[in-house]
Amino acid sequence: LVAHSQNPIEGALGHLLDAGKAAGSIRADVDAHGVLLLIAYLGRLDRD
């Protein structure tokens, strides 16, 4: 399930980042894959 959801989620995030880049409000040197790697570390948080 996780493997099949990664590409659509990455695509959605890429869409948001591209819109921000086009508007000049998001850094041009980031991509969706890199941002997802950062976000994935939230999974290491303990439930509490």
ModelCIF file with pLDDT and N, C-alpha, C, O atoms, coordinates in Angstrom:
data_MODEL
#
_entry.id   MODEL 
#
_entity.id                         1 
_entity.type                       polymer 
_entity.pdbx_number_of_molecules   1 
#
_entity_poly.entity_id                      1 
_entity_poly.type                           'polypeptide(L)' 
_entity_poly.nstd_linkage                   no 
_entity_poly.nstd_monomer                   no 
_entity_poly.pdbx_seq_one_letter_code       LVAHSQNPIEGALGHLLDAGKAAGSIRADVDAHGVLLLIAYLGRLDRD 
_entity_poly.pdbx_seq_one_letter_code_can   LVAHSQNPIEGALGHLLDAGKAAGSIRADVDAHGVLLLIAYLGRLDRD 
_entity_poly.pdbx_strand_id                 A 
#
loop_
_entity_poly_seq.entity_id 
_entity_poly_seq.num 
_entity_poly_seq.mon_id 
_entity_poly_seq.hetero 
1 1  LEU n 
1 2  VAL n 
1 3  ALA n 
1 4  HIS n 
1 5  SER n 
1 6  GLN n 
1 7  ASN n 
1 8  PRO n 
1 9  ILE n 
1 10 GLU n 
1 11 GLY n 
1 12 ALA n 
1 13 LEU n 
1 14 GLY n 
1 15 HIS n 
1 16 LEU n 
1 17 LEU n 
1 18 ASP n 
1 19 ALA n 
1 20 GLY n 
1 21 LYS n 
1 22 ALA n 
1 23 ALA n 
1 24 GLY n 
1 25 SER n 
1 26 ILE n 
1 27 ARG n 
1 28 ALA n 
1 29 ASP n 
1 30 VAL n 
1 31 ASP n 
1 32 ALA n 
1 33 HIS n 
1 34 GLY n 
1 35 VAL n 
1 36 LEU n 
1 37 LEU n 
1 38 LEU n 
1 39 ILE n 
1 40 ALA n 
1 41 TYR n 
1 42 LEU n 
1 43 GLY n 
1 44 ARG n 
1 45 LEU n 
1 46 ASP n 
1 47 ARG n 
1 48 ASP n 
#
_struct_asym.id          A 
_struct_asym.entity_id   1 
#
loop_
_ma_qa_metric.id 
_ma_qa_metric.mode 
_ma_qa_metric.name 
_ma_qa_metric.software_group_id 
_ma_qa_metric.type 
1 global pLDDT . pLDDT 
2 local  pLDDT . pLDDT 
#
_ma_qa_metric_global.metric_id      1 
_ma_qa_metric_global.metric_value   88.83 
_ma_qa_metric_global.model_id       1 
_ma_qa_metric_global.ordinal_id     1 
#
loop_
_ma_qa_metric_local.label_asym_id 
_ma_qa_metric_local.label_comp_id 
_ma_qa_metric_local.label_seq_id 
_ma_qa_metric_local.metric_id 
_ma_qa_metric_local.metric_value 
_ma_qa_metric_local.model_id 
_ma_qa_metric_local.ordinal_id 
A LEU 1  2 68.00 1 1  
A VAL 2  2 66.00 1 2  
A ALA 3  2 69.00 1 3  
A HIS 4  2 69.00 1 4  
A SER 5  2 76.00 1 5  
A GLN 6  2 78.00 1 6  
A ASN 7  2 88.00 1 7  
A PRO 8  2 90.00 1 8  
A ILE 9  2 90.00 1 9  
A GLU 10 2 92.00 1 10 
A GLY 11 2 94.00 1 11 
A ALA 12 2 96.00 1 12 
A LEU 13 2 96.00 1 13 
A GLY 14 2 97.00 1 14 
A HIS 15 2 97.00 1 15 
A LEU 16 2 98.00 1 16 
A LEU 17 2 98.00 1 17 
A ASP 18 2 98.00 1 18 
A ALA 19 2 98.00 1 19 
A GLY 20 2 97.00 1 20 
A LYS 21 2 97.00 1 21 
A ALA 22 2 97.00 1 22 
A ALA 23 2 97.00 1 23 
A GLY 24 2 96.00 1 24 
A SER 25 2 97.00 1 25 
A ILE 26 2 97.00 1 26 
A ARG 27 2 96.00 1 27 
A ALA 28 2 96.00 1 28 
A ASP 29 2 95.00 1 29 
A VAL 30 2 94.00 1 30 
A ASP 31 2 96.00 1 31 
A ALA 32 2 95.00 1 32 
A HIS 33 2 93.00 1 33 
A GLY 34 2 94.00 1 34 
A VAL 35 2 94.00 1 35 
A LEU 36 2 90.00 1 36 
A LEU 37 2 88.00 1 37 
A LEU 38 2 88.00 1 38 
A ILE 39 2 87.00 1 39 
A ALA 40 2 81.00 1 40 
A TYR 41 2 81.00 1 41 
A LEU 42 2 81.00 1 42 
A GLY 43 2 75.00 1 43 
A ARG 44 2 79.00 1 44 
A LEU 45 2 81.00 1 45 
A ASP 46 2 82.00 1 46 
A ARG 47 2 78.00 1 47 
A ASP 48 2 84.00 1 48 
#
loop_
_atom_site.group_PDB 
_atom_site.id 
_atom_site.type_symbol 
_atom_site.label_atom_id 
_atom_site.label_alt_id 
_atom_site.label_comp_id 
_atom_site.label_asym_id 
_atom_site.label_entity_id 
_atom_site.label_seq_id 
_atom_site.pdbx_PDB_ins_code 
_atom_site.Cartn_x 
_atom_site.Cartn_y 
_atom_site.Cartn_z 
_atom_site.occupancy 
_atom_site.B_iso_or_equiv 
_atom_site.pdbx_formal_charge 
_atom_site.auth_seq_id 
_atom_site.auth_comp_id 
_atom_site.auth_asym_id 
_atom_site.auth_atom_id 
_atom_site.pdbx_PDB_model_num 
ATOM 1   N N  . LEU A 1 1  ? 0.828  -1.216 0.000   1.00 68.00 ? 1  LEU A N  1 
ATOM 2   C CA . LEU A 1 1  ? 0.000  0.000  0.000   1.00 68.00 ? 1  LEU A CA 1 
ATOM 3   C C  . LEU A 1 1  ? 0.857  1.258  0.000   1.00 68.00 ? 1  LEU A C  1 
ATOM 4   O O  . LEU A 1 1  ? 0.592  2.191  -0.758  1.00 68.00 ? 1  LEU A O  1 
ATOM 5   N N  . VAL A 1 2  ? 1.868  1.288  0.835   1.00 66.00 ? 2  VAL A N  1 
ATOM 6   C CA . VAL A 1 2  ? 2.741  2.463  0.917   1.00 66.00 ? 2  VAL A CA 1 
ATOM 7   C C  . VAL A 1 2  ? 3.467  2.671  -0.410  1.00 66.00 ? 2  VAL A C  1 
ATOM 8   O O  . VAL A 1 2  ? 3.579  3.799  -0.889  1.00 66.00 ? 2  VAL A O  1 
ATOM 9   N N  . ALA A 1 3  ? 3.954  1.593  -0.995  1.00 69.00 ? 3  ALA A N  1 
ATOM 10  C CA . ALA A 1 3  ? 4.673  1.695  -2.271  1.00 69.00 ? 3  ALA A CA 1 
ATOM 11  C C  . ALA A 1 3  ? 3.776  2.266  -3.364  1.00 69.00 ? 3  ALA A C  1 
ATOM 12  O O  . ALA A 1 3  ? 4.224  3.076  -4.175  1.00 69.00 ? 3  ALA A O  1 
ATOM 13  N N  . HIS A 1 4  ? 2.511  1.846  -3.389  1.00 69.00 ? 4  HIS A N  1 
ATOM 14  C CA . HIS A 1 4  ? 1.592  2.324  -4.423  1.00 69.00 ? 4  HIS A CA 1 
ATOM 15  C C  . HIS A 1 4  ? 1.081  3.739  -4.167  1.00 69.00 ? 4  HIS A C  1 
ATOM 16  O O  . HIS A 1 4  ? 0.603  4.398  -5.090  1.00 69.00 ? 4  HIS A O  1 
ATOM 17  N N  . SER A 1 5  ? 1.175  4.209  -2.935  1.00 76.00 ? 5  SER A N  1 
ATOM 18  C CA . SER A 1 5  ? 0.685  5.560  -2.632  1.00 76.00 ? 5  SER A CA 1 
ATOM 19  C C  . SER A 1 5  ? 1.764  6.617  -2.775  1.00 76.00 ? 5  SER A C  1 
ATOM 20  O O  . SER A 1 5  ? 1.446  7.802  -2.873  1.00 76.00 ? 5  SER A O  1 
ATOM 21  N N  . GLN A 1 6  ? 3.015  6.231  -2.789  1.00 78.00 ? 6  GLN A N  1 
ATOM 22  C CA . GLN A 1 6  ? 4.101  7.213  -2.801  1.00 78.00 ? 6  GLN A CA 1 
ATOM 23  C C  . GLN A 1 6  ? 4.081  8.097  -4.045  1.00 78.00 ? 6  GLN A C  1 
ATOM 24  O O  . GLN A 1 6  ? 4.197  9.316  -3.919  1.00 78.00 ? 6  GLN A O  1 
ATOM 25  N N  . ASN A 1 7  ? 3.940  7.535  -5.228  1.00 88.00 ? 7  ASN A N  1 
ATOM 26  C CA . ASN A 1 7  ? 3.948  8.351  -6.452  1.00 88.00 ? 7  ASN A CA 1 
ATOM 27  C C  . ASN A 1 7  ? 2.794  9.340  -6.513  1.00 88.00 ? 7  ASN A C  1 
ATOM 28  O O  . ASN A 1 7  ? 3.024  10.506 -6.835  1.00 88.00 ? 7  ASN A O  1 
ATOM 29  N N  . PRO A 1 8  ? 1.552  8.928  -6.217  1.00 90.00 ? 8  PRO A N  1 
ATOM 30  C CA . PRO A 1 8  ? 0.475  9.930  -6.248  1.00 90.00 ? 8  PRO A CA 1 
ATOM 31  C C  . PRO A 1 8  ? 0.666  11.043 -5.223  1.00 90.00 ? 8  PRO A C  1 
ATOM 32  O O  . PRO A 1 8  ? 0.388  12.207 -5.513  1.00 90.00 ? 8  PRO A O  1 
ATOM 33  N N  . ILE A 1 9  ? 1.133  10.698 -4.040  1.00 90.00 ? 9  ILE A N  1 
ATOM 34  C CA . ILE A 1 9  ? 1.359  11.725 -3.017  1.00 90.00 ? 9  ILE A CA 1 
ATOM 35  C C  . ILE A 1 9  ? 2.491  12.648 -3.451  1.00 90.00 ? 9  ILE A C  1 
ATOM 36  O O  . ILE A 1 9  ? 2.393  13.866 -3.300  1.00 90.00 ? 9  ILE A O  1 
ATOM 37  N N  . GLU A 1 10 ? 3.546  12.083 -3.979  1.00 92.00 ? 10 GLU A N  1 
ATOM 38  C CA . GLU A 1 10 ? 4.655  12.897 -4.476  1.00 92.00 ? 10 GLU A CA 1 
ATOM 39  C C  . GLU A 1 10 ? 4.193  13.814 -5.605  1.00 92.00 ? 10 GLU A C  1 
ATOM 40  O O  . GLU A 1 10 ? 4.625  14.964 -5.684  1.00 92.00 ? 10 GLU A O  1 
ATOM 41  N N  . GLY A 1 11 ? 3.331  13.324 -6.465  1.00 94.00 ? 11 GLY A N  1 
ATOM 42  C CA . GLY A 1 11 ? 2.791  14.143 -7.546  1.00 94.00 ? 11 GLY A CA 1 
ATOM 43  C C  . GLY A 1 11 ? 1.958  15.301 -7.025  1.00 94.00 ? 11 GLY A C  1 
ATOM 44  O O  . GLY A 1 11 ? 2.057  16.418 -7.532  1.00 94.00 ? 11 GLY A O  1 
ATOM 45  N N  . ALA A 1 12 ? 1.136  15.039 -6.012  1.00 96.00 ? 12 ALA A N  1 
ATOM 46  C CA . ALA A 1 12 ? 0.311  16.103 -5.425  1.00 96.00 ? 12 ALA A CA 1 
ATOM 47  C C  . ALA A 1 12 ? 1.190  17.167 -4.778  1.00 96.00 ? 12 ALA A C  1 
ATOM 48  O O  . ALA A 1 12 ? 0.947  18.363 -4.942  1.00 96.00 ? 12 ALA A O  1 
ATOM 49  N N  . LEU A 1 13 ? 2.198  16.737 -4.054  1.00 96.00 ? 13 LEU A N  1 
ATOM 50  C CA . LEU A 1 13 ? 3.115  17.681 -3.430  1.00 96.00 ? 13 LEU A CA 1 
ATOM 51  C C  . LEU A 1 13 ? 3.878  18.464 -4.501  1.00 96.00 ? 13 LEU A C  1 
ATOM 52  O O  . LEU A 1 13 ? 4.083  19.669 -4.357  1.00 96.00 ? 13 LEU A O  1 
ATOM 53  N N  . GLY A 1 14 ? 4.295  17.794 -5.558  1.00 97.00 ? 14 GLY A N  1 
ATOM 54  C CA . GLY A 1 14 ? 4.985  18.465 -6.653  1.00 97.00 ? 14 GLY A CA 1 
ATOM 55  C C  . GLY A 1 14 ? 4.118  19.546 -7.286  1.00 97.00 ? 14 GLY A C  1 
ATOM 56  O O  . GLY A 1 14 ? 4.608  20.618 -7.641  1.00 97.00 ? 14 GLY A O  1 
ATOM 57  N N  . HIS A 1 15 ? 2.835  19.260 -7.422  1.00 97.00 ? 15 HIS A N  1 
ATOM 58  C CA . HIS A 1 15 ? 1.887  20.227 -7.969  1.00 97.00 ? 15 HIS A CA 1 
ATOM 59  C C  . HIS A 1 15 ? 1.841  21.489 -7.101  1.00 97.00 ? 15 HIS A C  1 
ATOM 60  O O  . HIS A 1 15 ? 1.848  22.607 -7.616  1.00 97.00 ? 15 HIS A O  1 
ATOM 61  N N  . LEU A 1 16 ? 1.793  21.296 -5.790  1.00 98.00 ? 16 LEU A N  1 
ATOM 62  C CA . LEU A 1 16 ? 1.778  22.427 -4.861  1.00 98.00 ? 16 LEU A CA 1 
ATOM 63  C C  . LEU A 1 16 ? 3.093  23.203 -4.909  1.00 98.00 ? 16 LEU A C  1 
ATOM 64  O O  . LEU A 1 16 ? 3.093  24.434 -4.938  1.00 98.00 ? 16 LEU A O  1 
ATOM 65  N N  . LEU A 1 17 ? 4.198  22.487 -4.918  1.00 98.00 ? 17 LEU A N  1 
ATOM 66  C CA . LEU A 1 17 ? 5.503  23.157 -4.965  1.00 98.00 ? 17 LEU A CA 1 
ATOM 67  C C  . LEU A 1 17 ? 5.683  23.930 -6.267  1.00 98.00 ? 17 LEU A C  1 
ATOM 68  O O  . LEU A 1 17 ? 6.182  25.055 -6.263  1.00 98.00 ? 17 LEU A O  1 
ATOM 69  N N  . ASP A 1 18 ? 5.274  23.321 -7.383  1.00 98.00 ? 18 ASP A N  1 
ATOM 70  C CA . ASP A 1 18 ? 5.389  24.002 -8.679  1.00 98.00 ? 18 ASP A CA 1 
ATOM 71  C C  . ASP A 1 18 ? 4.580  25.288 -8.711  1.00 98.00 ? 18 ASP A C  1 
ATOM 72  O O  . ASP A 1 18 ? 5.029  26.294 -9.261  1.00 98.00 ? 18 ASP A O  1 
ATOM 73  N N  . ALA A 1 19 ? 3.389  25.259 -8.124  1.00 98.00 ? 19 ALA A N  1 
ATOM 74  C CA . ALA A 1 19 ? 2.559  26.471 -8.084  1.00 98.00 ? 19 ALA A CA 1 
ATOM 75  C C  . ALA A 1 19 ? 3.249  27.544 -7.250  1.00 98.00 ? 19 ALA A C  1 
ATOM 76  O O  . ALA A 1 19 ? 3.236  28.718 -7.618  1.00 98.00 ? 19 ALA A O  1 
ATOM 77  N N  . GLY A 1 20 ? 3.849  27.149 -6.132  1.00 97.00 ? 20 GLY A N  1 
ATOM 78  C CA . GLY A 1 20 ? 4.575  28.105 -5.298  1.00 97.00 ? 20 GLY A CA 1 
ATOM 79  C C  . GLY A 1 20 ? 5.811  28.656 -5.981  1.00 97.00 ? 20 GLY A C  1 
ATOM 80  O O  . GLY A 1 20 ? 6.129  29.838 -5.848  1.00 97.00 ? 20 GLY A O  1 
ATOM 81  N N  . LYS A 1 21 ? 6.505  27.798 -6.713  1.00 97.00 ? 21 LYS A N  1 
ATOM 82  C CA . LYS A 1 21 ? 7.681  28.260 -7.465  1.00 97.00 ? 21 LYS A CA 1 
ATOM 83  C C  . LYS A 1 21 ? 7.263  29.249 -8.540  1.00 97.00 ? 21 LYS A C  1 
ATOM 84  O O  . LYS A 1 21 ? 7.915  30.277 -8.726  1.00 97.00 ? 21 LYS A O  1 
ATOM 85  N N  . ALA A 1 22 ? 6.187  28.950 -9.245  1.00 97.00 ? 22 ALA A N  1 
ATOM 86  C CA . ALA A 1 22 ? 5.701  29.843 -10.305 1.00 97.00 ? 22 ALA A CA 1 
ATOM 87  C C  . ALA A 1 22 ? 5.265  31.186 -9.727  1.00 97.00 ? 22 ALA A C  1 
ATOM 88  O O  . ALA A 1 22 ? 5.413  32.219 -10.380 1.00 97.00 ? 22 ALA A O  1 
ATOM 89  N N  . ALA A 1 23 ? 4.734  31.180 -8.521  1.00 97.00 ? 23 ALA A N  1 
ATOM 90  C CA . ALA A 1 23 ? 4.301  32.422 -7.876  1.00 97.00 ? 23 ALA A CA 1 
ATOM 91  C C  . ALA A 1 23 ? 5.468  33.147 -7.214  1.00 97.00 ? 23 ALA A C  1 
ATOM 92  O O  . ALA A 1 23 ? 5.320  34.289 -6.779  1.00 97.00 ? 23 ALA A O  1 
ATOM 93  N N  . GLY A 1 24 ? 6.623  32.495 -7.135  1.00 96.00 ? 24 GLY A N  1 
ATOM 94  C CA . GLY A 1 24 ? 7.783  33.114 -6.525  1.00 96.00 ? 24 GLY A CA 1 
ATOM 95  C C  . GLY A 1 24 ? 7.823  33.011 -5.008  1.00 96.00 ? 24 GLY A C  1 
ATOM 96  O O  . GLY A 1 24 ? 8.618  33.699 -4.368  1.00 96.00 ? 24 GLY A O  1 
ATOM 97  N N  . SER A 1 25 ? 6.995  32.178 -4.427  1.00 97.00 ? 25 SER A N  1 
ATOM 98  C CA . SER A 1 25 ? 6.943  32.085 -2.968  1.00 97.00 ? 25 SER A CA 1 
ATOM 99  C C  . SER A 1 25 ? 7.615  30.834 -2.398  1.00 97.00 ? 25 SER A C  1 
ATOM 100 O O  . SER A 1 25 ? 7.832  30.748 -1.189  1.00 97.00 ? 25 SER A O  1 
ATOM 101 N N  . ILE A 1 26 ? 7.945  29.870 -3.250  1.00 97.00 ? 26 ILE A N  1 
ATOM 102 C CA . ILE A 1 26 ? 8.606  28.631 -2.824  1.00 97.00 ? 26 ILE A CA 1 
ATOM 103 C C  . ILE A 1 26 ? 9.982  28.567 -3.473  1.00 97.00 ? 26 ILE A C  1 
ATOM 104 O O  . ILE A 1 26 ? 10.143 28.933 -4.637  1.00 97.00 ? 26 ILE A O  1 
ATOM 105 N N  . ARG A 1 27 ? 10.958 28.109 -2.729  1.00 96.00 ? 27 ARG A N  1 
ATOM 106 C CA . ARG A 1 27 ? 12.326 27.969 -3.234  1.00 96.00 ? 27 ARG A CA 1 
ATOM 107 C C  . ARG A 1 27 ? 12.354 27.117 -4.495  1.00 96.00 ? 27 ARG A C  1 
ATOM 108 O O  . ARG A 1 27 ? 11.603 26.149 -4.611  1.00 96.00 ? 27 ARG A O  1 
ATOM 109 N N  . ALA A 1 28 ? 13.199 27.467 -5.415  1.00 96.00 ? 28 ALA A N  1 
ATOM 110 C CA . ALA A 1 28 ? 13.313 26.749 -6.684  1.00 96.00 ? 28 ALA A CA 1 
ATOM 111 C C  . ALA A 1 28 ? 14.188 25.505 -6.566  1.00 96.00 ? 28 ALA A C  1 
ATOM 112 O O  . ALA A 1 28 ? 14.159 24.650 -7.451  1.00 96.00 ? 28 ALA A O  1 
ATOM 113 N N  . ASP A 1 29 ? 14.960 25.388 -5.496  1.00 95.00 ? 29 ASP A N  1 
ATOM 114 C CA . ASP A 1 29 ? 15.917 24.291 -5.378  1.00 95.00 ? 29 ASP A CA 1 
ATOM 115 C C  . ASP A 1 29 ? 15.396 23.086 -4.594  1.00 95.00 ? 29 ASP A C  1 
ATOM 116 O O  . ASP A 1 29 ? 16.187 22.261 -4.136  1.00 95.00 ? 29 ASP A O  1 
ATOM 117 N N  . VAL A 1 30 ? 14.086 22.976 -4.437  1.00 94.00 ? 30 VAL A N  1 
ATOM 118 C CA . VAL A 1 30 ? 13.503 21.833 -3.732  1.00 94.00 ? 30 VAL A CA 1 
ATOM 119 C C  . VAL A 1 30 ? 12.600 21.057 -4.675  1.00 94.00 ? 30 VAL A C  1 
ATOM 120 O O  . VAL A 1 30 ? 12.036 21.610 -5.619  1.00 94.00 ? 30 VAL A O  1 
ATOM 121 N N  . ASP A 1 31 ? 12.475 19.774 -4.402  1.00 96.00 ? 31 ASP A N  1 
ATOM 122 C CA . ASP A 1 31 ? 11.532 18.967 -5.175  1.00 96.00 ? 31 ASP A CA 1 
ATOM 123 C C  . ASP A 1 31 ? 10.700 18.119 -4.220  1.00 96.00 ? 31 ASP A C  1 
ATOM 124 O O  . ASP A 1 31 ? 11.014 17.994 -3.036  1.00 96.00 ? 31 ASP A O  1 
ATOM 125 N N  . ALA A 1 32 ? 9.648  17.548 -4.755  1.00 95.00 ? 32 ALA A N  1 
ATOM 126 C CA . ALA A 1 32 ? 8.701  16.799 -3.935  1.00 95.00 ? 32 ALA A CA 1 
ATOM 127 C C  . ALA A 1 32 ? 9.358  15.599 -3.265  1.00 95.00 ? 32 ALA A C  1 
ATOM 128 O O  . ALA A 1 32 ? 9.077  15.300 -2.105  1.00 95.00 ? 32 ALA A O  1 
ATOM 129 N N  . HIS A 1 33 ? 10.220 14.922 -3.986  1.00 93.00 ? 33 HIS A N  1 
ATOM 130 C CA . HIS A 1 33 ? 10.863 13.739 -3.406  1.00 93.00 ? 33 HIS A CA 1 
ATOM 131 C C  . HIS A 1 33 ? 11.667 14.116 -2.155  1.00 93.00 ? 33 HIS A C  1 
ATOM 132 O O  . HIS A 1 33 ? 11.579 13.441 -1.129  1.00 93.00 ? 33 HIS A O  1 
ATOM 133 N N  . GLY A 1 34 ? 12.438 15.180 -2.245  1.00 94.00 ? 34 GLY A N  1 
ATOM 134 C CA . GLY A 1 34 ? 13.224 15.625 -1.098  1.00 94.00 ? 34 GLY A CA 1 
ATOM 135 C C  . GLY A 1 34 ? 12.357 16.035 0.078   1.00 94.00 ? 34 GLY A C  1 
ATOM 136 O O  . GLY A 1 34 ? 12.666 15.715 1.226   1.00 94.00 ? 34 GLY A O  1 
ATOM 137 N N  . VAL A 1 35 ? 11.271 16.744 -0.207  1.00 94.00 ? 35 VAL A N  1 
ATOM 138 C CA . VAL A 1 35 ? 10.374 17.173 0.872   1.00 94.00 ? 35 VAL A CA 1 
ATOM 139 C C  . VAL A 1 35 ? 9.724  15.951 1.520   1.00 94.00 ? 35 VAL A C  1 
ATOM 140 O O  . VAL A 1 35 ? 9.569  15.910 2.740   1.00 94.00 ? 35 VAL A O  1 
ATOM 141 N N  . LEU A 1 36 ? 9.345  14.965 0.722   1.00 90.00 ? 36 LEU A N  1 
ATOM 142 C CA . LEU A 1 36 ? 8.759  13.745 1.299   1.00 90.00 ? 36 LEU A CA 1 
ATOM 143 C C  . LEU A 1 36 ? 9.765  13.013 2.183   1.00 90.00 ? 36 LEU A C  1 
ATOM 144 O O  . LEU A 1 36 ? 9.384  12.432 3.200   1.00 90.00 ? 36 LEU A O  1 
ATOM 145 N N  . LEU A 1 37 ? 11.024 13.032 1.813   1.00 88.00 ? 37 LEU A N  1 
ATOM 146 C CA . LEU A 1 37 ? 12.039 12.418 2.674   1.00 88.00 ? 37 LEU A CA 1 
ATOM 147 C C  . LEU A 1 37 ? 12.075 13.111 4.034   1.00 88.00 ? 37 LEU A C  1 
ATOM 148 O O  . LEU A 1 37 ? 12.159 12.448 5.068   1.00 88.00 ? 37 LEU A O  1 
ATOM 149 N N  . LEU A 1 38 ? 12.013 14.440 4.036   1.00 88.00 ? 38 LEU A N  1 
ATOM 150 C CA . LEU A 1 38 ? 11.985 15.176 5.301   1.00 88.00 ? 38 LEU A CA 1 
ATOM 151 C C  . LEU A 1 38 ? 10.741 14.822 6.123   1.00 88.00 ? 38 LEU A C  1 
ATOM 152 O O  . LEU A 1 38 ? 10.827 14.565 7.323   1.00 88.00 ? 38 LEU A O  1 
ATOM 153 N N  . ILE A 1 39 ? 9.604  14.814 5.462   1.00 87.00 ? 39 ILE A N  1 
ATOM 154 C CA . ILE A 1 39 ? 8.341  14.530 6.144   1.00 87.00 ? 39 ILE A CA 1 
ATOM 155 C C  . ILE A 1 39 ? 8.318  13.105 6.691   1.00 87.00 ? 39 ILE A C  1 
ATOM 156 O O  . ILE A 1 39 ? 7.729  12.853 7.743   1.00 87.00 ? 39 ILE A O  1 
ATOM 157 N N  . ALA A 1 40 ? 8.951  12.179 5.987   1.00 81.00 ? 40 ALA A N  1 
ATOM 158 C CA . ALA A 1 40 ? 8.939  10.787 6.406   1.00 81.00 ? 40 ALA A CA 1 
ATOM 159 C C  . ALA A 1 40 ? 9.542  10.599 7.794   1.00 81.00 ? 40 ALA A C  1 
ATOM 160 O O  . ALA A 1 40 ? 9.175  9.670  8.513   1.00 81.00 ? 40 ALA A O  1 
ATOM 161 N N  . TYR A 1 41 ? 10.451 11.466 8.164   1.00 81.00 ? 41 TYR A N  1 
ATOM 162 C CA . TYR A 1 41 ? 11.048 11.339 9.488   1.00 81.00 ? 41 TYR A CA 1 
ATOM 163 C C  . TYR A 1 41 ? 10.061 11.611 10.612  1.00 81.00 ? 41 TYR A C  1 
ATOM 164 O O  . TYR A 1 41 ? 10.316 11.244 11.759  1.00 81.00 ? 41 TYR A O  1 
ATOM 165 N N  . LEU A 1 42 ? 8.951  12.242 10.304  1.00 81.00 ? 42 LEU A N  1 
ATOM 166 C CA . LEU A 1 42 ? 7.914  12.405 11.328  1.00 81.00 ? 42 LEU A CA 1 
ATOM 167 C C  . LEU A 1 42 ? 7.410  11.043 11.799  1.00 81.00 ? 42 LEU A C  1 
ATOM 168 O O  . LEU A 1 42 ? 6.931  10.909 12.925  1.00 81.00 ? 42 LEU A O  1 
ATOM 169 N N  . GLY A 1 43 ? 7.520  10.036 10.934  1.00 75.00 ? 43 GLY A N  1 
ATOM 170 C CA . GLY A 1 43 ? 7.107  8.685  11.306  1.00 75.00 ? 43 GLY A CA 1 
ATOM 171 C C  . GLY A 1 43 ? 7.933  8.097  12.435  1.00 75.00 ? 43 GLY A C  1 
ATOM 172 O O  . GLY A 1 43 ? 7.547  7.082  13.014  1.00 75.00 ? 43 GLY A O  1 
ATOM 173 N N  . ARG A 1 44 ? 9.052  8.707  12.756  1.00 79.00 ? 44 ARG A N  1 
ATOM 174 C CA . ARG A 1 44 ? 9.895  8.228  13.847  1.00 79.00 ? 44 ARG A CA 1 
ATOM 175 C C  . ARG A 1 44 ? 9.437  8.750  15.207  1.00 79.00 ? 44 ARG A C  1 
ATOM 176 O O  . ARG A 1 44 ? 9.935  8.310  16.244  1.00 79.00 ? 44 ARG A O  1 
ATOM 177 N N  . LEU A 1 45 ? 8.494  9.681  15.201  1.00 81.00 ? 45 LEU A N  1 
ATOM 178 C CA . LEU A 1 45 ? 7.984  10.208 16.467  1.00 81.00 ? 45 LEU A CA 1 
ATOM 179 C C  . LEU A 1 45 ? 7.239  9.111  17.215  1.00 81.00 ? 45 LEU A C  1 
ATOM 180 O O  . LEU A 1 45 ? 6.529  8.303  16.616  1.00 81.00 ? 45 LEU A O  1 
ATOM 181 N N  . ASP A 1 46 ? 7.411  9.094  18.530  1.00 82.00 ? 46 ASP A N  1 
ATOM 182 C CA . ASP A 1 46 ? 6.622  8.185  19.354  1.00 82.00 ? 46 ASP A CA 1 
ATOM 183 C C  . ASP A 1 46 ? 5.181  8.674  19.381  1.00 82.00 ? 46 ASP A C  1 
ATOM 184 O O  . ASP A 1 46 ? 4.920  9.870  19.249  1.00 82.00 ? 46 ASP A O  1 
ATOM 185 N N  . ARG A 1 47 ? 4.261  7.759  19.550  1.00 78.00 ? 47 ARG A N  1 
ATOM 186 C CA . ARG A 1 47 ? 2.839  8.126  19.557  1.00 78.00 ? 47 ARG A CA 1 
ATOM 187 C C  . ARG A 1 47 ? 2.526  9.178  20.627  1.00 78.00 ? 47 ARG A C  1 
ATOM 188 O O  . ARG A 1 47 ? 1.681  10.045 20.407  1.00 78.00 ? 47 ARG A O  1 
ATOM 189 N N  . ASP A 1 48 ? 3.189  9.110  21.768  1.00 84.00 ? 48 ASP A N  1 
ATOM 190 C CA . ASP A 1 48 ? 2.880  10.050 22.841  1.00 84.00 ? 48 ASP A CA 1 
ATOM 191 C C  . ASP A 1 48 ? 3.417  11.457 22.589  1.00 84.00 ? 48 ASP A C  1 
ATOM 192 O O  . ASP A 1 48 ? 3.226  12.348 23.416  1.00 84.00 ? 48 ASP A O  1 
#
